[in-house]
Amino acid sequence: MANSRRDGRYCGVDSELRVLFETGCYADFTFPSAPDETQPNIVNQIYWPTGDTKRPRAHESGTAARVGQTMTDRILMIQGPLAIARRSSGFGVRLDSAALTAHDPPSLSRLDTWISQSVHVQGRPEWVFVKLHTHGAPEAEAESLLGEPGRALHATLAHHYNDGRRYVLHYVTAREMFNIALAGMAGHSGDPNIYRDYALAPPPVAA
């Protein structure tokens, strides 16, 4: 994003944050990208970039989204969890960047790691955002996402993080996640499910 690589590859638009905002984007869900150098210094946060959005790496500085504060002239950065975690073998540690791949399938320990990073709007810690990512479902990855490993992920989520008391699980789209974050900033609390369409309405459905 925004020319984050020193060699200029893959993300060669200096003013990308400004371009995205001016063309109607409301949030960015790119990160984490570690261990790549494009990873910003800000981690495990929902935040507004405060750098000059016409310049490269404007997202390297920011102010955390919090209750009672919002910005209307830039996109919101919504990050997924990034953590140092124990390897599944039990020996040593690894970097977990919330990627779902065939070589790094989901597990209960990974779920625990993601949730423990507590990505949230400051002042609304009970609403924990867990944004995972994939790179589509090419043949090498399809089974891990659409087959038994994928089903196991959802079964584990339902069993461990949807008891109706300590945890209530919500699956949301990117638009809905943005809306819930805005509702939190506006001071709303309680059931986040009712804020899925808080600011941005669902897209029109073709007849």
C-alpha atoms as a PDB file:
ATOM      1  CA  MET A   1       0.000   0.000   0.000  1.00  0.00           C
ATOM      2  CA  ALA A   2       1.108   3.565  -0.822  1.00  0.00           C
ATOM      3  CA  ASN A   3       4.558   2.588  -2.083  1.00  0.00           C
ATOM      4  CA  SER A   4       5.433   0.718   1.093  1.00  0.00           C
ATOM      5  CA  ARG A   5       8.201  -1.293  -0.549  1.00  0.00           C
ATOM      6  CA  ARG A   6      11.561   0.340  -0.997  1.00  0.00           C
ATOM      7  CA  ASP A   7      11.950  -1.325  -4.405  1.00  0.00           C
ATOM      8  CA  GLY A   8       8.574   0.082  -5.546  1.00  0.00           C
ATOM      9  CA  ARG A   9       7.174  -3.308  -6.524  1.00  0.00           C
ATOM     10  CA  TYR A  10       3.472  -4.184  -6.222  1.00  0.00           C
ATOM     11  CA  CYS A  11       2.322  -0.928  -4.610  1.00  0.00           C
ATOM     12  CA  GLY A  12       3.651   1.950  -6.656  1.00  0.00           C
ATOM     13  CA  VAL A  13       1.088   4.693  -5.985  1.00  0.00           C
ATOM     14  CA  ASP A  14       2.432   7.280  -3.554  1.00  0.00           C
ATOM     15  CA  SER A  15      -0.961   8.847  -2.838  1.00  0.00           C
ATOM     16  CA  GLU A  16      -2.908   5.584  -2.668  1.00  0.00           C
ATOM     17  CA  LEU A  17      -4.724   6.459   0.570  1.00  0.00           C
ATOM     18  CA  ARG A  18      -5.976   9.709  -0.957  1.00  0.00           C
ATOM     19  CA  VAL A  19      -6.928   8.012  -4.233  1.00  0.00           C
ATOM     20  CA  LEU A  20      -8.860   5.306  -2.405  1.00  0.00           C
ATOM     21  CA  PHE A  21     -10.799   7.832  -0.335  1.00  0.00           C
ATOM     22  CA  GLU A  22     -11.619  10.057  -3.295  1.00  0.00           C
ATOM     23  CA  THR A  23     -12.906   7.101  -5.317  1.00  0.00           C
ATOM     24  CA  GLY A  24     -15.335   6.023  -2.615  1.00  0.00           C
ATOM     25  CA  CYS A  25     -13.407   3.597  -0.420  1.00  0.00           C
ATOM     26  CA  TYR A  26     -14.298   3.793   3.262  1.00  0.00           C
ATOM     27  CA  ALA A  27     -11.821   1.386   4.874  1.00  0.00           C
ATOM     28  CA  ASP A  28      -8.676  -0.602   4.190  1.00  0.00           C
ATOM     29  CA  PHE A  29      -8.264  -4.213   5.331  1.00  0.00           C
ATOM     30  CA  THR A  30      -4.770  -4.892   3.944  1.00  0.00           C
ATOM     31  CA  PHE A  31      -2.854  -5.518   7.129  1.00  0.00           C
ATOM     32  CA  PRO A  32      -1.124  -7.366   8.652  1.00  0.00           C
ATOM     33  CA  SER A  33       1.414  -8.050   5.925  1.00  0.00           C
ATOM     34  CA  ALA A  34       4.321  -9.110   8.188  1.00  0.00           C
ATOM     35  CA  PRO A  35       6.995 -10.301   7.802  1.00  0.00           C
ATOM     36  CA  ASP A  36       7.107  -8.214   4.621  1.00  0.00           C
ATOM     37  CA  GLU A  37       8.574  -4.719   4.889  1.00  0.00           C
ATOM     38  CA  THR A  38       5.187  -3.292   3.896  1.00  0.00           C
ATOM     39  CA  GLN A  39       3.930  -3.999   7.442  1.00  0.00           C
ATOM     40  CA  PRO A  40       3.379  -0.658   9.238  1.00  0.00           C
ATOM     41  CA  ASN A  41       4.652  -0.009  12.744  1.00  0.00           C
ATOM     42  CA  ILE A  42       1.066   0.159  14.013  1.00  0.00           C
ATOM     43  CA  VAL A  43      -0.281  -3.306  14.809  1.00  0.00           C
ATOM     44  CA  ASN A  44      -3.508  -4.817  16.152  1.00  0.00           C
ATOM     45  CA  GLN A  45      -5.470  -1.604  15.864  1.00  0.00           C
ATOM     46  CA  ILE A  46      -8.401   0.040  14.185  1.00  0.00           C
ATOM     47  CA  TYR A  47      -7.099   3.509  13.408  1.00  0.00           C
ATOM     48  CA  TRP A  48      -7.278   6.587  11.238  1.00  0.00           C
ATOM     49  CA  PRO A  49      -4.063   7.343   9.312  1.00  0.00           C
ATOM     50  CA  THR A  50      -2.787  10.786  10.219  1.00  0.00           C
ATOM     51  CA  GLY A  51       0.067  11.109   7.783  1.00  0.00           C
ATOM     52  CA  ASP A  52      -0.219  13.184   4.609  1.00  0.00           C
ATOM     53  CA  THR A  53      -2.457  10.866   2.559  1.00  0.00           C
ATOM     54  CA  LYS A  54      -0.899  12.168  -0.651  1.00  0.00           C
ATOM     55  CA  ARG A  55       2.493  10.824   0.378  1.00  0.00           C
ATOM     56  CA  PRO A  56       3.929   7.264   0.572  1.00  0.00           C
ATOM     57  CA  ARG A  57       3.341   5.188   3.696  1.00  0.00           C
ATOM     58  CA  ALA A  58       0.846   7.681   5.089  1.00  0.00           C
ATOM     59  CA  HIS A  59      -0.595   4.841   7.165  1.00  0.00           C
ATOM     60  CA  GLU A  60       2.605   4.575   9.234  1.00  0.00           C
ATOM     61  CA  SER A  61       1.212   7.155  11.662  1.00  0.00           C
ATOM     62  CA  GLY A  62      -2.297   7.215  12.996  1.00  0.00           C
ATOM     63  CA  THR A  63      -4.718   7.787  15.810  1.00  0.00           C
ATOM     64  CA  ALA A  64      -6.587   4.871  17.304  1.00  0.00           C
ATOM     65  CA  ALA A  65     -10.317   4.737  16.677  1.00  0.00           C
ATOM     66  CA  ARG A  66     -12.075   5.442  19.945  1.00  0.00           C
ATOM     67  CA  VAL A  67     -15.467   6.159  21.387  1.00  0.00           C
ATOM     68  CA  GLY A  68     -16.387   9.795  20.825  1.00  0.00           C
ATOM     69  CA  GLN A  69     -13.960  10.417  17.961  1.00  0.00           C
ATOM     70  CA  THR A  70     -14.172   9.939  14.219  1.00  0.00           C
ATOM     71  CA  MET A  71     -12.729  11.349  10.989  1.00  0.00           C
ATOM     72  CA  THR A  72     -14.564  11.965   7.738  1.00  0.00           C
ATOM     73  CA  ASP A  73     -11.764  12.944   5.354  1.00  0.00           C
ATOM     74  CA  ARG A  74      -9.847   9.645   5.132  1.00  0.00           C
ATOM     75  CA  ILE A  75     -10.348   5.900   5.117  1.00  0.00           C
ATOM     76  CA  LEU A  76     -10.344   3.812   8.276  1.00  0.00           C
ATOM     77  CA  MET A  77      -7.600   1.198   8.707  1.00  0.00           C
ATOM     78  CA  ILE A  78      -8.959  -2.065  10.113  1.00  0.00           C
ATOM     79  CA  GLN A  79      -6.163  -4.502  10.900  1.00  0.00           C
ATOM     80  CA  GLY A  80      -6.261  -8.195  11.554  1.00  0.00           C
ATOM     81  CA  PRO A  81      -4.392  -9.746  14.487  1.00  0.00           C
ATOM     82  CA  LEU A  82      -0.604 -10.039  14.370  1.00  0.00           C
ATOM     83  CA  ALA A  83       1.191 -11.963  17.106  1.00  0.00           C
ATOM     84  CA  ILE A  84       4.175 -13.962  18.204  1.00  0.00           C
ATOM     85  CA  ALA A  85       2.739 -17.418  18.898  1.00  0.00           C
ATOM     86  CA  ARG A  86       3.930 -20.865  19.869  1.00  0.00           C
ATOM     87  CA  ARG A  87       4.494 -23.254  16.983  1.00  0.00           C
ATOM     88  CA  SER A  88       2.022 -26.121  16.627  1.00  0.00           C
ATOM     89  CA  SER A  89       4.900 -28.553  17.235  1.00  0.00           C
ATOM     90  CA  GLY A  90       5.363 -26.980  20.655  1.00  0.00           C
ATOM     91  CA  PHE A  91       8.969 -26.043  19.943  1.00  0.00           C
ATOM     92  CA  GLY A  92       9.851 -22.397  19.473  1.00  0.00           C
ATOM     93  CA  VAL A  93       7.689 -19.479  18.355  1.00  0.00           C
ATOM     94  CA  ARG A  94       6.442 -18.164  15.032  1.00  0.00           C
ATOM     95  CA  LEU A  95       4.840 -15.034  13.602  1.00  0.00           C
ATOM     96  CA  ASP A  96       1.094 -15.404  13.112  1.00  0.00           C
ATOM     97  CA  SER A  97      -0.277 -12.852  10.648  1.00  0.00           C
ATOM     98  CA  ALA A  98      -3.852 -14.213  10.559  1.00  0.00           C
ATOM     99  CA  ALA A  99      -3.446 -15.826   7.141  1.00  0.00           C
ATOM    100  CA  LEU A 100      -5.431 -18.955   6.303  1.00  0.00           C
ATOM    101  CA  THR A 101      -3.355 -21.187   4.045  1.00  0.00           C
ATOM    102  CA  ALA A 102      -2.894 -24.871   3.342  1.00  0.00           C
ATOM    103  CA  HIS A 103       0.508 -24.742   5.035  1.00  0.00           C
ATOM    104  CA  ASP A 104      -0.819 -22.796   8.027  1.00  0.00           C
ATOM    105  CA  PRO A 105      -4.337 -24.068   8.720  1.00  0.00           C
ATOM    106  CA  PRO A 106      -6.527 -22.695  11.508  1.00  0.00           C
ATOM    107  CA  SER A 107      -6.521 -24.330  14.925  1.00  0.00           C
ATOM    108  CA  LEU A 108      -7.906 -23.657  18.384  1.00  0.00           C
ATOM    109  CA  SER A 109      -4.539 -22.310  19.525  1.00  0.00           C
ATOM    110  CA  ARG A 110      -4.485 -19.900  16.575  1.00  0.00           C
ATOM    111  CA  LEU A 111      -8.039 -18.794  17.344  1.00  0.00           C
ATOM    112  CA  ASP A 112      -7.031 -18.129  20.934  1.00  0.00           C
ATOM    113  CA  THR A 113      -4.045 -16.116  19.702  1.00  0.00           C
ATOM    114  CA  TRP A 114      -6.136 -14.006  17.318  1.00  0.00           C
ATOM    115  CA  ILE A 115      -8.792 -13.187  19.872  1.00  0.00           C
ATOM    116  CA  SER A 116      -6.260 -12.435  22.608  1.00  0.00           C
ATOM    117  CA  GLN A 117      -4.841  -9.583  20.494  1.00  0.00           C
ATOM    118  CA  SER A 118      -8.123  -7.758  21.245  1.00  0.00           C
ATOM    119  CA  VAL A 119      -8.400  -5.626  18.118  1.00  0.00           C
ATOM    120  CA  HIS A 120     -11.149  -3.160  19.051  1.00  0.00           C
ATOM    121  CA  VAL A 121     -12.360   0.426  19.085  1.00  0.00           C
ATOM    122  CA  GLN A 122     -10.859   1.999  22.201  1.00  0.00           C
ATOM    123  CA  GLY A 123     -13.533   2.340  24.841  1.00  0.00           C
ATOM    124  CA  ARG A 124     -15.473  -0.604  23.428  1.00  0.00           C
ATOM    125  CA  PRO A 125     -13.192  -3.568  24.307  1.00  0.00           C
ATOM    126  CA  GLU A 126     -16.062  -6.051  24.468  1.00  0.00           C
ATOM    127  CA  TRP A 127     -16.419  -5.852  20.672  1.00  0.00           C
ATOM    128  CA  VAL A 128     -13.391  -7.816  19.428  1.00  0.00           C
ATOM    129  CA  PHE A 129     -12.675  -7.702  15.689  1.00  0.00           C
ATOM    130  CA  VAL A 130     -10.941 -10.717  14.132  1.00  0.00           C
ATOM    131  CA  LYS A 131     -10.120 -10.076  10.478  1.00  0.00           C
ATOM    132  CA  LEU A 132      -8.501 -13.049   8.753  1.00  0.00           C
ATOM    133  CA  HIS A 133      -7.302 -13.222   5.166  1.00  0.00           C
ATOM    134  CA  THR A 134      -6.600 -15.631   2.344  1.00  0.00           C
ATOM    135  CA  HIS A 135      -5.326 -15.217  -1.191  1.00  0.00           C
ATOM    136  CA  GLY A 136      -8.316 -16.808  -2.856  1.00  0.00           C
ATOM    137  CA  ALA A 137      -8.863 -20.513  -3.337  1.00  0.00           C
ATOM    138  CA  PRO A 138      -6.479 -21.806  -6.023  1.00  0.00           C
ATOM    139  CA  GLU A 139      -6.114 -25.570  -6.167  1.00  0.00           C
ATOM    140  CA  ALA A 140      -3.290 -25.645  -3.626  1.00  0.00           C
ATOM    141  CA  GLU A 141      -5.421 -23.803  -1.066  1.00  0.00           C
ATOM    142  CA  ALA A 142      -8.982 -24.823  -1.903  1.00  0.00           C
ATOM    143  CA  GLU A 143      -9.223 -27.856   0.361  1.00  0.00           C
ATOM    144  CA  SER A 144      -7.919 -25.977   3.404  1.00  0.00           C
ATOM    145  CA  LEU A 145     -10.564 -23.283   2.938  1.00  0.00           C
ATOM    146  CA  LEU A 146     -13.546 -25.159   1.520  1.00  0.00           C
ATOM    147  CA  GLY A 147     -12.897 -28.688   2.756  1.00  0.00           C
ATOM    148  CA  GLU A 148     -12.597 -30.290   6.173  1.00  0.00           C
ATOM    149  CA  PRO A 149     -10.054 -27.780   7.599  1.00  0.00           C
ATOM    150  CA  GLY A 150     -12.438 -24.952   6.768  1.00  0.00           C
ATOM    151  CA  ARG A 151     -15.392 -26.756   8.347  1.00  0.00           C
ATOM    152  CA  ALA A 152     -13.274 -27.484  11.408  1.00  0.00           C
ATOM    153  CA  LEU A 153     -12.506 -23.778  11.791  1.00  0.00           C
ATOM    154  CA  HIS A 154     -16.178 -22.847  11.925  1.00  0.00           C
ATOM    155  CA  ALA A 155     -17.035 -25.742  14.210  1.00  0.00           C
ATOM    156  CA  THR A 156     -14.267 -24.688  16.605  1.00  0.00           C
ATOM    157  CA  LEU A 157     -15.447 -21.088  16.532  1.00  0.00           C
ATOM    158  CA  ALA A 158     -18.999 -22.148  17.316  1.00  0.00           C
ATOM    159  CA  HIS A 159     -17.933 -24.470  20.121  1.00  0.00           C
ATOM    160  CA  HIS A 160     -15.416 -22.247  21.900  1.00  0.00           C
ATOM    161  CA  TYR A 161     -16.508 -18.716  21.059  1.00  0.00           C
ATOM    162  CA  ASN A 162     -20.285 -18.728  20.910  1.00  0.00           C
ATOM    163  CA  ASP A 163     -21.557 -19.754  24.333  1.00  0.00           C
ATOM    164  CA  GLY A 164     -24.002 -16.836  24.473  1.00  0.00           C
ATOM    165  CA  ARG A 165     -22.569 -15.602  27.767  1.00  0.00           C
ATOM    166  CA  ARG A 166     -18.893 -14.780  27.568  1.00  0.00           C
ATOM    167  CA  TYR A 167     -18.768 -14.888  23.776  1.00  0.00           C
ATOM    168  CA  VAL A 168     -21.270 -14.236  20.983  1.00  0.00           C
ATOM    169  CA  LEU A 169     -19.974 -14.950  17.481  1.00  0.00           C
ATOM    170  CA  HIS A 170     -20.883 -12.724  14.527  1.00  0.00           C
ATOM    171  CA  TYR A 171     -19.817 -13.258  10.922  1.00  0.00           C
ATOM    172  CA  VAL A 172     -19.676  -9.934   9.093  1.00  0.00           C
ATOM    173  CA  THR A 173     -18.726  -8.534   5.713  1.00  0.00           C
ATOM    174  CA  ALA A 174     -16.108  -5.804   5.345  1.00  0.00           C
ATOM    175  CA  ARG A 175     -18.892  -3.207   5.046  1.00  0.00           C
ATOM    176  CA  GLU A 176     -20.598  -4.517   8.162  1.00  0.00           C
ATOM    177  CA  MET A 177     -17.336  -4.537  10.113  1.00  0.00           C
ATOM    178  CA  PHE A 178     -16.789  -0.899   9.171  1.00  0.00           C
ATOM    179  CA  ASN A 179     -20.336  -0.027  10.224  1.00  0.00           C
ATOM    180  CA  ILE A 180     -19.948  -1.728  13.598  1.00  0.00           C
ATOM    181  CA  ALA A 181     -16.652   0.078  14.187  1.00  0.00           C
ATOM    182  CA  LEU A 182     -18.327   3.418  13.424  1.00  0.00           C
ATOM    183  CA  ALA A 183     -21.192   2.567  15.762  1.00  0.00           C
ATOM    184  CA  GLY A 184     -18.676   1.880  18.508  1.00  0.00           C
ATOM    185  CA  MET A 185     -16.989   5.219  17.884  1.00  0.00           C
ATOM    186  CA  ALA A 186     -20.398   6.883  18.116  1.00  0.00           C
ATOM    187  CA  GLY A 187     -20.826   5.448  21.606  1.00  0.00           C
ATOM    188  CA  HIS A 188     -23.214   2.616  20.840  1.00  0.00           C
ATOM    189  CA  SER A 189     -22.890  -0.582  22.862  1.00  0.00           C
ATOM    190  CA  GLY A 190     -24.744  -3.828  23.445  1.00  0.00           C
ATOM    191  CA  ASP A 191     -25.403  -6.209  20.558  1.00  0.00           C
ATOM    192  CA  PRO A 192     -23.138  -5.233  17.639  1.00  0.00           C
ATOM    193  CA  ASN A 193     -25.354  -7.244  15.302  1.00  0.00           C
ATOM    194  CA  ILE A 194     -27.872  -4.410  15.124  1.00  0.00           C
ATOM    195  CA  TYR A 195     -25.276  -2.029  13.688  1.00  0.00           C
ATOM    196  CA  ARG A 196     -24.407  -3.975  10.542  1.00  0.00           C
ATOM    197  CA  ASP A 197     -26.031  -1.248   8.418  1.00  0.00           C
ATOM    198  CA  TYR A 198     -25.264   1.646  10.764  1.00  0.00           C
ATOM    199  CA  ALA A 199     -23.752   4.129   8.261  1.00  0.00           C
ATOM    200  CA  LEU A 200     -23.466   2.352   4.925  1.00  0.00           C
ATOM    201  CA  ALA A 201     -26.559   0.594   3.610  1.00  0.00           C
ATOM    202  CA  PRO A 202     -26.337  -2.794   1.893  1.00  0.00           C
ATOM    203  CA  PRO A 203     -25.560  -2.610  -1.825  1.00  0.00           C
ATOM    204  CA  PRO A 204     -28.564  -2.660  -4.160  1.00  0.00           C
ATOM    205  CA  VAL A 205     -29.695  -6.098  -5.208  1.00  0.00           C
ATOM    206  CA  ALA A 206     -30.294  -6.629  -8.909  1.00  0.00           C
ATOM    207  CA  ALA A 207     -33.893  -7.481  -9.755  1.00  0.00           C
END
